[in-house]
N, C-alpha and C. Protein backbone atom coordinates (compact mmCIF):
# COMPACT_ATOMS: atom_id res chain seq x y z
N ASN A 1 -19.93 -62.99 61.06
CA ASN A 1 -19.42 -62.96 59.70
C ASN A 1 -18.29 -61.95 59.60
N PRO A 2 -17.06 -62.41 59.53
CA PRO A 2 -15.96 -61.46 59.36
C PRO A 2 -16.01 -60.83 57.96
N VAL A 3 -15.52 -59.60 57.87
CA VAL A 3 -15.45 -58.92 56.57
C VAL A 3 -14.44 -59.66 55.71
N GLY A 4 -14.87 -60.12 54.54
CA GLY A 4 -13.97 -60.83 53.65
C GLY A 4 -13.31 -59.89 52.65
N ALA A 5 -14.10 -58.98 52.12
CA ALA A 5 -13.60 -58.00 51.14
C ALA A 5 -14.44 -56.74 51.29
N ILE A 6 -13.83 -55.62 51.01
CA ILE A 6 -14.56 -54.35 51.07
C ILE A 6 -14.93 -53.98 49.64
N ASP A 7 -16.20 -54.23 49.29
CA ASP A 7 -16.69 -53.91 47.95
C ASP A 7 -17.29 -52.52 47.88
N ALA A 8 -17.75 -52.00 49.01
CA ALA A 8 -18.29 -50.65 49.09
C ALA A 8 -18.06 -50.13 50.49
N LEU A 9 -17.86 -48.81 50.59
CA LEU A 9 -17.55 -48.20 51.88
C LEU A 9 -18.13 -46.79 51.91
N TRP A 10 -18.83 -46.45 53.01
CA TRP A 10 -19.36 -45.11 53.22
C TRP A 10 -19.03 -44.68 54.63
N VAL A 11 -18.72 -43.41 54.77
CA VAL A 11 -18.48 -42.84 56.08
C VAL A 11 -19.48 -41.70 56.24
N THR A 12 -20.34 -41.80 57.25
CA THR A 12 -21.30 -40.74 57.54
C THR A 12 -20.85 -40.03 58.81
N GLU A 13 -21.64 -39.11 59.25
CA GLU A 13 -21.31 -38.37 60.47
C GLU A 13 -21.19 -39.30 61.68
N ASP A 14 -22.03 -40.35 61.73
CA ASP A 14 -22.05 -41.25 62.88
C ASP A 14 -21.65 -42.69 62.60
N HIS A 15 -21.54 -43.07 61.32
CA HIS A 15 -21.35 -44.48 60.99
C HIS A 15 -20.29 -44.70 59.91
N ILE A 16 -19.80 -45.94 59.88
CA ILE A 16 -18.97 -46.46 58.80
C ILE A 16 -19.70 -47.69 58.30
N ILE A 17 -20.04 -47.71 57.02
CA ILE A 17 -20.77 -48.84 56.44
C ILE A 17 -19.85 -49.54 55.47
N VAL A 18 -19.70 -50.85 55.64
CA VAL A 18 -18.84 -51.67 54.81
C VAL A 18 -19.70 -52.77 54.19
N ALA A 19 -19.63 -52.93 52.87
CA ALA A 19 -20.37 -53.98 52.19
C ALA A 19 -19.40 -55.00 51.60
N ASP A 20 -19.65 -56.26 51.89
CA ASP A 20 -18.90 -57.38 51.35
C ASP A 20 -19.88 -58.20 50.51
N TYR A 21 -19.84 -58.03 49.18
CA TYR A 21 -20.83 -58.63 48.30
C TYR A 21 -20.72 -60.15 48.18
N ASN A 22 -19.50 -60.68 48.13
CA ASN A 22 -19.33 -62.07 47.73
C ASN A 22 -18.81 -63.02 48.81
N GLN A 23 -17.97 -62.57 49.68
CA GLN A 23 -17.39 -63.52 50.64
C GLN A 23 -18.32 -63.74 51.83
N SER A 24 -18.54 -62.72 52.65
CA SER A 24 -19.47 -62.90 53.76
C SER A 24 -20.90 -62.56 53.36
N GLU A 25 -21.08 -61.87 52.22
CA GLU A 25 -22.38 -61.45 51.71
C GLU A 25 -23.16 -60.69 52.80
N THR A 26 -22.47 -59.74 53.41
CA THR A 26 -23.00 -59.01 54.56
C THR A 26 -22.68 -57.53 54.43
N ILE A 27 -23.57 -56.71 54.97
CA ILE A 27 -23.32 -55.28 55.08
C ILE A 27 -23.10 -55.00 56.57
N PHE A 28 -21.96 -54.41 56.91
CA PHE A 28 -21.59 -54.14 58.29
C PHE A 28 -21.76 -52.65 58.58
N VAL A 29 -22.36 -52.33 59.71
CA VAL A 29 -22.52 -50.95 60.14
C VAL A 29 -21.75 -50.79 61.45
N PHE A 30 -20.74 -49.92 61.42
CA PHE A 30 -19.91 -49.64 62.58
C PHE A 30 -20.18 -48.22 63.05
N ASP A 31 -19.94 -47.96 64.33
CA ASP A 31 -19.95 -46.56 64.76
C ASP A 31 -18.60 -45.96 64.36
N ARG A 32 -18.40 -44.68 64.58
CA ARG A 32 -17.17 -44.01 64.14
C ARG A 32 -15.95 -44.46 64.94
N GLN A 33 -16.15 -45.16 66.07
CA GLN A 33 -15.03 -45.71 66.83
C GLN A 33 -14.67 -47.12 66.37
N GLY A 34 -15.45 -47.66 65.39
CA GLY A 34 -15.16 -48.98 64.85
C GLY A 34 -15.87 -50.12 65.54
N LEU A 35 -16.82 -49.85 66.41
CA LEU A 35 -17.58 -50.89 67.08
C LEU A 35 -18.77 -51.30 66.22
N LEU A 36 -18.94 -52.60 66.02
CA LEU A 36 -20.02 -53.11 65.18
C LEU A 36 -21.37 -52.77 65.80
N GLN A 37 -22.22 -52.13 65.01
CA GLN A 37 -23.57 -51.78 65.45
C GLN A 37 -24.62 -52.70 64.85
N ALA A 38 -24.38 -53.17 63.63
CA ALA A 38 -25.34 -54.05 62.96
C ALA A 38 -24.64 -54.79 61.84
N ALA A 39 -25.16 -55.97 61.53
CA ALA A 39 -24.69 -56.75 60.39
C ALA A 39 -25.93 -57.23 59.64
N ILE A 40 -26.05 -56.80 58.40
CA ILE A 40 -27.18 -57.21 57.57
C ILE A 40 -26.70 -58.40 56.75
N SER A 41 -27.15 -59.57 57.15
CA SER A 41 -26.78 -60.82 56.49
C SER A 41 -28.06 -61.60 56.28
N ARG A 42 -28.72 -61.33 55.18
CA ARG A 42 -30.06 -61.86 54.96
C ARG A 42 -30.14 -62.66 53.67
N LYS A 43 -29.23 -63.60 53.46
CA LYS A 43 -29.26 -64.41 52.25
C LYS A 43 -30.41 -65.40 52.34
N GLY A 44 -31.21 -65.43 51.30
CA GLY A 44 -32.35 -66.34 51.26
C GLY A 44 -33.35 -65.91 50.22
N ARG A 45 -34.51 -66.53 50.25
CA ARG A 45 -35.56 -66.25 49.26
C ARG A 45 -36.77 -65.53 49.84
N GLY A 46 -36.70 -65.18 51.10
CA GLY A 46 -37.83 -64.53 51.76
C GLY A 46 -37.98 -63.07 51.37
N PRO A 47 -39.07 -62.45 51.81
CA PRO A 47 -39.34 -61.05 51.44
C PRO A 47 -38.33 -60.06 52.01
N GLN A 48 -37.64 -60.41 53.09
CA GLN A 48 -36.65 -59.50 53.68
C GLN A 48 -35.22 -59.93 53.35
N GLU A 49 -35.09 -60.88 52.41
CA GLU A 49 -33.79 -61.49 52.12
C GLU A 49 -33.40 -61.26 50.66
N TYR A 50 -32.09 -61.40 50.40
CA TYR A 50 -31.55 -61.26 49.05
C TYR A 50 -30.90 -62.58 48.62
N LEU A 51 -30.99 -62.86 47.32
CA LEU A 51 -30.31 -64.03 46.77
C LEU A 51 -28.82 -63.76 46.65
N SER A 52 -28.50 -62.54 46.27
CA SER A 52 -27.10 -62.12 46.16
C SER A 52 -27.05 -60.60 46.26
N ILE A 53 -25.90 -60.10 46.60
CA ILE A 53 -25.72 -58.65 46.64
C ILE A 53 -25.02 -58.24 45.35
N SER A 54 -25.72 -57.49 44.51
CA SER A 54 -25.12 -56.98 43.28
C SER A 54 -24.50 -55.61 43.50
N ASP A 55 -25.15 -54.81 44.37
CA ASP A 55 -24.66 -53.48 44.66
C ASP A 55 -25.31 -53.00 45.95
N VAL A 56 -24.67 -52.05 46.59
CA VAL A 56 -25.19 -51.45 47.82
C VAL A 56 -24.91 -49.96 47.74
N THR A 57 -25.88 -49.16 48.17
CA THR A 57 -25.69 -47.72 48.22
C THR A 57 -26.48 -47.15 49.38
N LEU A 58 -26.14 -45.95 49.75
CA LEU A 58 -26.92 -45.23 50.76
C LEU A 58 -27.92 -44.33 50.05
N THR A 59 -29.06 -44.13 50.68
CA THR A 59 -30.02 -43.16 50.16
C THR A 59 -29.46 -41.76 50.40
N PRO A 60 -29.92 -40.76 49.67
CA PRO A 60 -29.35 -39.42 49.82
C PRO A 60 -29.41 -38.85 51.23
N ASP A 61 -30.39 -39.24 52.03
CA ASP A 61 -30.44 -38.75 53.41
C ASP A 61 -29.43 -39.47 54.31
N ARG A 62 -28.78 -40.49 53.76
CA ARG A 62 -27.73 -41.27 54.43
C ARG A 62 -28.25 -41.97 55.68
N LYS A 63 -29.54 -42.31 55.68
CA LYS A 63 -30.16 -42.98 56.82
C LYS A 63 -30.65 -44.38 56.49
N ARG A 64 -30.62 -44.72 55.19
CA ARG A 64 -31.07 -46.05 54.76
C ARG A 64 -30.04 -46.68 53.82
N ILE A 65 -29.98 -47.99 53.88
CA ILE A 65 -29.10 -48.77 53.01
C ILE A 65 -29.97 -49.45 51.97
N ALA A 66 -29.63 -49.27 50.69
CA ALA A 66 -30.35 -49.92 49.59
C ALA A 66 -29.47 -51.04 49.05
N VAL A 67 -30.01 -52.25 49.05
CA VAL A 67 -29.28 -53.43 48.59
C VAL A 67 -29.90 -53.89 47.28
N LEU A 68 -29.10 -53.89 46.22
CA LEU A 68 -29.56 -54.34 44.91
C LEU A 68 -29.33 -55.85 44.81
N ASP A 69 -30.43 -56.58 44.63
CA ASP A 69 -30.39 -58.04 44.44
C ASP A 69 -30.81 -58.32 43.00
N ASN A 70 -29.83 -58.37 42.09
CA ASN A 70 -30.10 -58.58 40.68
C ASN A 70 -30.76 -59.94 40.45
N HIS A 71 -30.28 -60.98 41.09
CA HIS A 71 -30.84 -62.32 40.88
C HIS A 71 -32.27 -62.43 41.40
N GLY A 72 -32.58 -61.76 42.49
CA GLY A 72 -33.93 -61.74 43.02
C GLY A 72 -34.79 -60.66 42.39
N LYS A 73 -34.19 -59.81 41.53
CA LYS A 73 -34.85 -58.70 40.83
C LYS A 73 -35.59 -57.79 41.81
N LYS A 74 -34.85 -57.33 42.85
CA LYS A 74 -35.46 -56.39 43.79
C LYS A 74 -34.40 -55.54 44.46
N ILE A 75 -34.86 -54.44 45.03
CA ILE A 75 -34.03 -53.58 45.87
C ILE A 75 -34.63 -53.65 47.27
N LEU A 76 -33.79 -53.97 48.25
CA LEU A 76 -34.23 -54.06 49.64
C LEU A 76 -33.67 -52.88 50.41
N TYR A 77 -34.48 -52.32 51.30
CA TYR A 77 -34.07 -51.16 52.08
C TYR A 77 -34.02 -51.53 53.56
N TYR A 78 -32.93 -51.12 54.20
CA TYR A 78 -32.72 -51.35 55.62
C TYR A 78 -32.31 -50.04 56.27
N VAL A 79 -32.68 -49.85 57.54
CA VAL A 79 -32.18 -48.71 58.29
C VAL A 79 -30.79 -49.06 58.81
N LEU A 80 -30.05 -48.09 59.27
CA LEU A 80 -28.67 -48.33 59.72
C LEU A 80 -28.58 -49.25 60.93
N SER A 81 -29.68 -49.44 61.65
CA SER A 81 -29.68 -50.39 62.76
C SER A 81 -29.78 -51.84 62.27
N GLY A 82 -29.97 -52.01 60.94
CA GLY A 82 -30.04 -53.34 60.35
C GLY A 82 -31.45 -53.85 60.14
N ASN A 83 -32.44 -53.12 60.61
CA ASN A 83 -33.83 -53.55 60.46
C ASN A 83 -34.32 -53.33 59.04
N PHE A 84 -35.08 -54.32 58.56
CA PHE A 84 -35.66 -54.26 57.22
C PHE A 84 -36.78 -53.23 57.18
N LEU A 85 -36.83 -52.46 56.09
CA LEU A 85 -37.91 -51.50 55.88
C LEU A 85 -38.92 -51.98 54.84
N PHE A 86 -38.45 -52.16 53.60
CA PHE A 86 -39.32 -52.58 52.51
C PHE A 86 -38.46 -53.00 51.32
N SER A 87 -39.11 -53.57 50.31
CA SER A 87 -38.40 -53.90 49.08
C SER A 87 -39.26 -53.45 47.90
N ILE A 88 -38.58 -53.25 46.76
CA ILE A 88 -39.23 -52.87 45.51
C ILE A 88 -38.77 -53.85 44.44
N GLU A 89 -39.71 -54.37 43.67
CA GLU A 89 -39.37 -55.30 42.59
C GLU A 89 -38.77 -54.54 41.42
N LEU A 90 -37.69 -55.07 40.87
CA LEU A 90 -37.03 -54.45 39.72
C LEU A 90 -37.77 -54.81 38.43
N PRO A 91 -37.95 -53.86 37.51
CA PRO A 91 -38.62 -54.16 36.25
C PRO A 91 -37.71 -54.86 35.23
N PHE A 92 -36.39 -54.76 35.42
CA PHE A 92 -35.44 -55.39 34.51
C PHE A 92 -34.16 -55.70 35.27
N TYR A 93 -33.30 -56.51 34.65
CA TYR A 93 -32.04 -56.89 35.30
C TYR A 93 -31.08 -55.71 35.32
N THR A 94 -30.45 -55.51 36.44
CA THR A 94 -29.55 -54.37 36.59
C THR A 94 -28.34 -54.75 37.42
N LEU A 95 -27.23 -54.10 37.15
CA LEU A 95 -25.96 -54.41 37.82
C LEU A 95 -25.59 -53.42 38.92
N CYS A 96 -26.00 -52.18 38.75
CA CYS A 96 -25.52 -51.11 39.62
C CYS A 96 -26.64 -50.13 39.85
N MET A 97 -26.66 -49.52 41.04
CA MET A 97 -27.63 -48.47 41.31
C MET A 97 -26.97 -47.35 42.09
N ARG A 98 -27.35 -46.12 41.78
CA ARG A 98 -26.88 -44.94 42.50
C ARG A 98 -28.03 -43.96 42.56
N TYR A 99 -28.13 -43.25 43.64
CA TYR A 99 -29.11 -42.17 43.74
C TYR A 99 -28.51 -40.92 43.12
N LEU A 100 -29.23 -40.34 42.16
CA LEU A 100 -28.83 -39.06 41.59
C LEU A 100 -29.33 -37.94 42.50
N GLU A 101 -30.45 -38.17 43.12
CA GLU A 101 -31.04 -37.32 44.14
C GLU A 101 -32.17 -38.14 44.77
N GLU A 102 -32.86 -37.61 45.73
CA GLU A 102 -33.86 -38.38 46.49
C GLU A 102 -34.90 -39.05 45.61
N GLU A 103 -35.32 -38.40 44.54
CA GLU A 103 -36.40 -38.93 43.70
C GLU A 103 -35.90 -39.57 42.40
N ASN A 104 -34.59 -39.66 42.20
CA ASN A 104 -34.05 -40.20 40.95
C ASN A 104 -32.96 -41.22 41.24
N ILE A 105 -33.19 -42.43 40.74
CA ILE A 105 -32.24 -43.53 40.92
C ILE A 105 -31.67 -43.89 39.55
N LEU A 106 -30.37 -44.06 39.48
CA LEU A 106 -29.71 -44.49 38.25
C LEU A 106 -29.50 -45.99 38.32
N LEU A 107 -29.99 -46.72 37.32
CA LEU A 107 -29.78 -48.16 37.22
C LEU A 107 -28.98 -48.46 35.96
N THR A 108 -28.02 -49.35 36.07
CA THR A 108 -27.18 -49.77 34.95
C THR A 108 -27.59 -51.17 34.53
N THR A 109 -27.79 -51.37 33.22
CA THR A 109 -28.22 -52.69 32.73
C THR A 109 -27.05 -53.43 32.09
N TYR A 110 -27.34 -54.66 31.72
CA TYR A 110 -26.39 -55.50 31.00
C TYR A 110 -26.33 -55.14 29.53
N GLY A 111 -27.34 -54.48 29.01
CA GLY A 111 -27.44 -54.25 27.58
C GLY A 111 -28.10 -55.42 26.88
N LEU A 112 -29.07 -56.07 27.54
CA LEU A 112 -29.73 -57.24 26.96
C LEU A 112 -30.81 -56.86 25.94
N GLU A 113 -31.15 -55.58 25.88
CA GLU A 113 -32.11 -55.05 24.93
C GLU A 113 -33.44 -55.79 25.06
N GLU A 114 -34.01 -56.26 23.95
CA GLU A 114 -35.32 -56.91 24.00
C GLU A 114 -35.27 -58.30 24.64
N ARG A 115 -34.09 -58.81 24.91
CA ARG A 115 -33.99 -60.12 25.58
C ARG A 115 -34.31 -60.01 27.07
N ASP A 116 -34.35 -58.80 27.60
CA ASP A 116 -34.77 -58.58 28.98
C ASP A 116 -36.26 -58.25 28.93
N PRO A 117 -37.13 -59.12 29.47
CA PRO A 117 -38.57 -58.89 29.37
C PRO A 117 -39.02 -57.53 29.88
N GLY A 118 -38.34 -56.97 30.85
CA GLY A 118 -38.72 -55.68 31.39
C GLY A 118 -38.40 -54.52 30.47
N LEU A 119 -37.54 -54.75 29.49
CA LEU A 119 -37.17 -53.69 28.55
C LEU A 119 -37.61 -53.98 27.11
N ALA A 120 -38.20 -55.13 26.87
CA ALA A 120 -38.53 -55.56 25.51
C ALA A 120 -39.35 -54.52 24.76
N SER A 121 -40.32 -53.92 25.41
CA SER A 121 -41.19 -52.97 24.72
C SER A 121 -40.72 -51.52 24.85
N TYR A 122 -39.66 -51.28 25.60
CA TYR A 122 -39.17 -49.92 25.77
C TYR A 122 -38.43 -49.51 24.49
N PRO A 123 -38.78 -48.36 23.89
CA PRO A 123 -38.19 -47.99 22.59
C PRO A 123 -36.68 -47.79 22.60
N TYR A 124 -36.10 -47.45 23.75
CA TYR A 124 -34.66 -47.21 23.82
C TYR A 124 -33.97 -48.32 24.61
N ASN A 125 -34.35 -49.56 24.34
CA ASN A 125 -33.82 -50.67 25.12
C ASN A 125 -32.35 -51.00 24.82
N LYS A 126 -31.71 -50.27 23.93
CA LYS A 126 -30.27 -50.43 23.70
C LYS A 126 -29.47 -49.58 24.68
N ASP A 127 -30.15 -48.70 25.43
CA ASP A 127 -29.47 -47.85 26.40
C ASP A 127 -29.00 -48.70 27.59
N LEU A 128 -27.94 -48.21 28.23
CA LEU A 128 -27.35 -48.94 29.36
C LEU A 128 -27.61 -48.28 30.71
N LEU A 129 -27.98 -46.99 30.70
CA LEU A 129 -28.25 -46.27 31.94
C LEU A 129 -29.69 -45.80 31.93
N TYR A 130 -30.39 -46.02 33.05
CA TYR A 130 -31.79 -45.66 33.17
C TYR A 130 -32.00 -44.83 34.42
N CYS A 131 -32.55 -43.64 34.24
CA CYS A 131 -32.93 -42.79 35.37
C CYS A 131 -34.37 -43.16 35.72
N MET A 132 -34.56 -43.62 36.95
CA MET A 132 -35.86 -44.12 37.40
C MET A 132 -36.36 -43.24 38.54
N ASP A 133 -37.69 -43.20 38.70
CA ASP A 133 -38.22 -42.55 39.89
C ASP A 133 -38.22 -43.59 41.02
N THR A 134 -38.70 -43.23 42.18
CA THR A 134 -38.63 -44.15 43.33
C THR A 134 -39.63 -45.30 43.24
N THR A 135 -40.54 -45.26 42.25
CA THR A 135 -41.42 -46.42 42.00
C THR A 135 -40.86 -47.28 40.88
N LEU A 136 -39.65 -46.92 40.42
CA LEU A 136 -38.90 -47.61 39.36
C LEU A 136 -39.57 -47.52 38.00
N GLN A 137 -40.18 -46.37 37.74
CA GLN A 137 -40.67 -46.06 36.40
C GLN A 137 -39.57 -45.28 35.68
N ILE A 138 -39.33 -45.63 34.42
CA ILE A 138 -38.27 -44.97 33.65
C ILE A 138 -38.64 -43.51 33.39
N ARG A 139 -37.74 -42.61 33.77
CA ARG A 139 -37.91 -41.19 33.46
C ARG A 139 -37.12 -40.82 32.21
N LYS A 140 -35.94 -41.43 32.06
CA LYS A 140 -35.05 -41.12 30.94
C LYS A 140 -34.02 -42.25 30.85
N SER A 141 -33.52 -42.47 29.67
CA SER A 141 -32.42 -43.43 29.51
C SER A 141 -31.38 -42.81 28.60
N PHE A 142 -30.15 -43.30 28.72
CA PHE A 142 -29.06 -42.75 27.94
C PHE A 142 -27.91 -43.74 27.89
N MET A 143 -26.88 -43.39 27.15
CA MET A 143 -25.68 -44.17 26.89
C MET A 143 -26.02 -45.49 26.16
N PRO A 144 -26.30 -45.40 24.86
CA PRO A 144 -26.62 -46.60 24.09
C PRO A 144 -25.45 -47.59 24.08
N ASN A 145 -25.80 -48.86 24.00
CA ASN A 145 -24.80 -49.91 23.91
C ASN A 145 -24.11 -49.80 22.56
N GLN A 146 -22.80 -49.57 22.58
CA GLN A 146 -22.06 -49.42 21.32
C GLN A 146 -21.38 -50.72 20.90
N PHE A 147 -21.63 -51.78 21.64
CA PHE A 147 -21.02 -53.06 21.33
C PHE A 147 -22.06 -54.03 20.79
N SER A 148 -21.63 -55.18 20.33
CA SER A 148 -22.57 -56.16 19.78
C SER A 148 -23.37 -56.80 20.91
N ARG A 149 -24.52 -57.35 20.55
CA ARG A 149 -25.38 -58.01 21.55
C ARG A 149 -24.66 -59.17 22.22
N GLU A 150 -23.78 -59.84 21.50
CA GLU A 150 -23.07 -60.99 22.05
C GLU A 150 -22.14 -60.59 23.19
N LEU A 151 -21.69 -59.34 23.18
CA LEU A 151 -20.79 -58.84 24.22
C LEU A 151 -21.53 -58.03 25.28
N SER A 152 -22.86 -58.08 25.27
CA SER A 152 -23.63 -57.17 26.11
C SER A 152 -23.31 -57.32 27.60
N GLY A 153 -23.05 -58.51 28.08
CA GLY A 153 -22.73 -58.70 29.49
C GLY A 153 -21.42 -58.04 29.90
N TRP A 154 -20.56 -57.79 28.94
CA TRP A 154 -19.24 -57.21 29.22
C TRP A 154 -19.20 -55.71 29.00
N CYS A 155 -20.31 -55.12 28.53
CA CYS A 155 -20.24 -53.74 28.10
C CYS A 155 -20.92 -52.77 29.05
N SER A 156 -21.32 -53.20 30.22
CA SER A 156 -21.97 -52.28 31.15
C SER A 156 -21.03 -51.15 31.51
N PRO A 157 -21.57 -49.93 31.53
CA PRO A 157 -20.71 -48.80 31.86
C PRO A 157 -20.25 -48.87 33.31
N LYS A 158 -19.13 -48.25 33.57
CA LYS A 158 -18.63 -48.13 34.93
C LYS A 158 -19.21 -46.86 35.52
N VAL A 159 -19.72 -46.95 36.74
CA VAL A 159 -20.37 -45.82 37.41
C VAL A 159 -19.70 -45.58 38.74
N LYS A 160 -19.40 -44.33 39.03
CA LYS A 160 -18.78 -43.94 40.31
C LYS A 160 -19.54 -42.76 40.89
N GLN A 161 -19.68 -42.77 42.20
CA GLN A 161 -20.34 -41.67 42.90
C GLN A 161 -19.39 -41.14 43.96
N PHE A 162 -19.36 -39.83 44.09
CA PHE A 162 -18.49 -39.20 45.07
C PHE A 162 -19.31 -38.64 46.22
N ASP A 163 -18.64 -38.30 47.31
CA ASP A 163 -19.32 -37.86 48.53
C ASP A 163 -20.24 -36.67 48.32
N ASP A 164 -19.94 -35.83 47.37
CA ASP A 164 -20.82 -34.69 47.14
C ASP A 164 -21.99 -35.06 46.22
N ASP A 165 -22.21 -36.36 46.04
CA ASP A 165 -23.32 -36.93 45.28
C ASP A 165 -23.22 -36.77 43.77
N ARG A 166 -22.07 -36.33 43.28
CA ARG A 166 -21.88 -36.32 41.83
C ARG A 166 -21.70 -37.75 41.36
N VAL A 167 -22.35 -38.10 40.25
CA VAL A 167 -22.28 -39.44 39.67
C VAL A 167 -21.67 -39.33 38.28
N TYR A 168 -20.71 -40.20 38.00
CA TYR A 168 -20.04 -40.22 36.70
C TYR A 168 -20.14 -41.62 36.10
N ALA A 169 -20.20 -41.67 34.77
CA ALA A 169 -20.26 -42.95 34.07
C ALA A 169 -19.40 -42.89 32.83
N THR A 170 -18.89 -44.04 32.46
CA THR A 170 -18.11 -44.16 31.23
C THR A 170 -18.36 -45.52 30.61
N HIS A 171 -18.37 -45.55 29.28
CA HIS A 171 -18.39 -46.84 28.58
C HIS A 171 -17.09 -47.57 28.87
N VAL A 172 -17.12 -48.87 28.85
CA VAL A 172 -15.86 -49.60 28.94
C VAL A 172 -15.05 -49.31 27.69
N HIS A 173 -13.76 -49.32 27.80
CA HIS A 173 -12.84 -49.05 26.68
C HIS A 173 -13.09 -47.67 26.06
N SER A 174 -13.43 -46.68 26.89
CA SER A 174 -13.70 -45.34 26.40
C SER A 174 -12.77 -44.35 27.07
N ASP A 175 -12.52 -43.24 26.41
CA ASP A 175 -11.68 -42.21 27.01
C ASP A 175 -12.51 -41.01 27.46
N THR A 176 -13.85 -41.17 27.52
CA THR A 176 -14.73 -40.09 27.91
C THR A 176 -15.50 -40.47 29.17
N VAL A 177 -15.55 -39.54 30.12
CA VAL A 177 -16.31 -39.73 31.35
C VAL A 177 -17.41 -38.69 31.37
N TYR A 178 -18.64 -39.12 31.65
CA TYR A 178 -19.79 -38.24 31.66
C TYR A 178 -20.31 -38.05 33.07
N GLN A 179 -20.68 -36.82 33.42
CA GLN A 179 -21.41 -36.62 34.66
C GLN A 179 -22.86 -36.94 34.38
N VAL A 180 -23.48 -37.75 35.23
CA VAL A 180 -24.85 -38.18 35.02
C VAL A 180 -25.78 -37.35 35.91
N THR A 181 -26.80 -36.79 35.29
CA THR A 181 -27.81 -36.02 36.01
C THR A 181 -29.18 -36.59 35.61
N PRO A 182 -30.23 -36.28 36.37
CA PRO A 182 -31.57 -36.77 35.97
C PRO A 182 -31.99 -36.29 34.60
N GLU A 183 -31.43 -35.21 34.13
CA GLU A 183 -31.76 -34.68 32.81
C GLU A 183 -31.01 -35.40 31.69
N GLY A 184 -30.06 -36.23 32.07
CA GLY A 184 -29.30 -36.97 31.08
C GLY A 184 -27.95 -36.37 30.80
């Protein structure tokens, strides 16, 4: 599977990880000299497979790859050699994931509110960012949807993470950028 597009890129001490979400639907792991070490291409409906790649990130120890499969409602974990480790079922639909630290994962929603069964009973289901523990229990939520429900699919905040693990988020069409921490 040749790399079609670079949707995500990480450089670690020993590896270069390239994720192509839509064209080859593969995560490529290269050594620092550019030689392919592994290709994670697991499209399917099985327990070690994803329906689609919505997002990819590295765990804070930079030894595991987390693949967000929004359509399959799960996160799959692989080691850098490409071997499958485990998966966790998502409680609600999400577009983006980032680790705030080892025990805190940030998930971004569509803003479906009570129309998402996993958030229907949550009192702050208008929020777009959810800080979750590693069992995907909500610890805190923030950044309420400021747009109408009809535009909810278009209003997900933009989230960026930098090498020093700082995570920032902003509403679309906003002039304010927030640093996101587990405390909110």
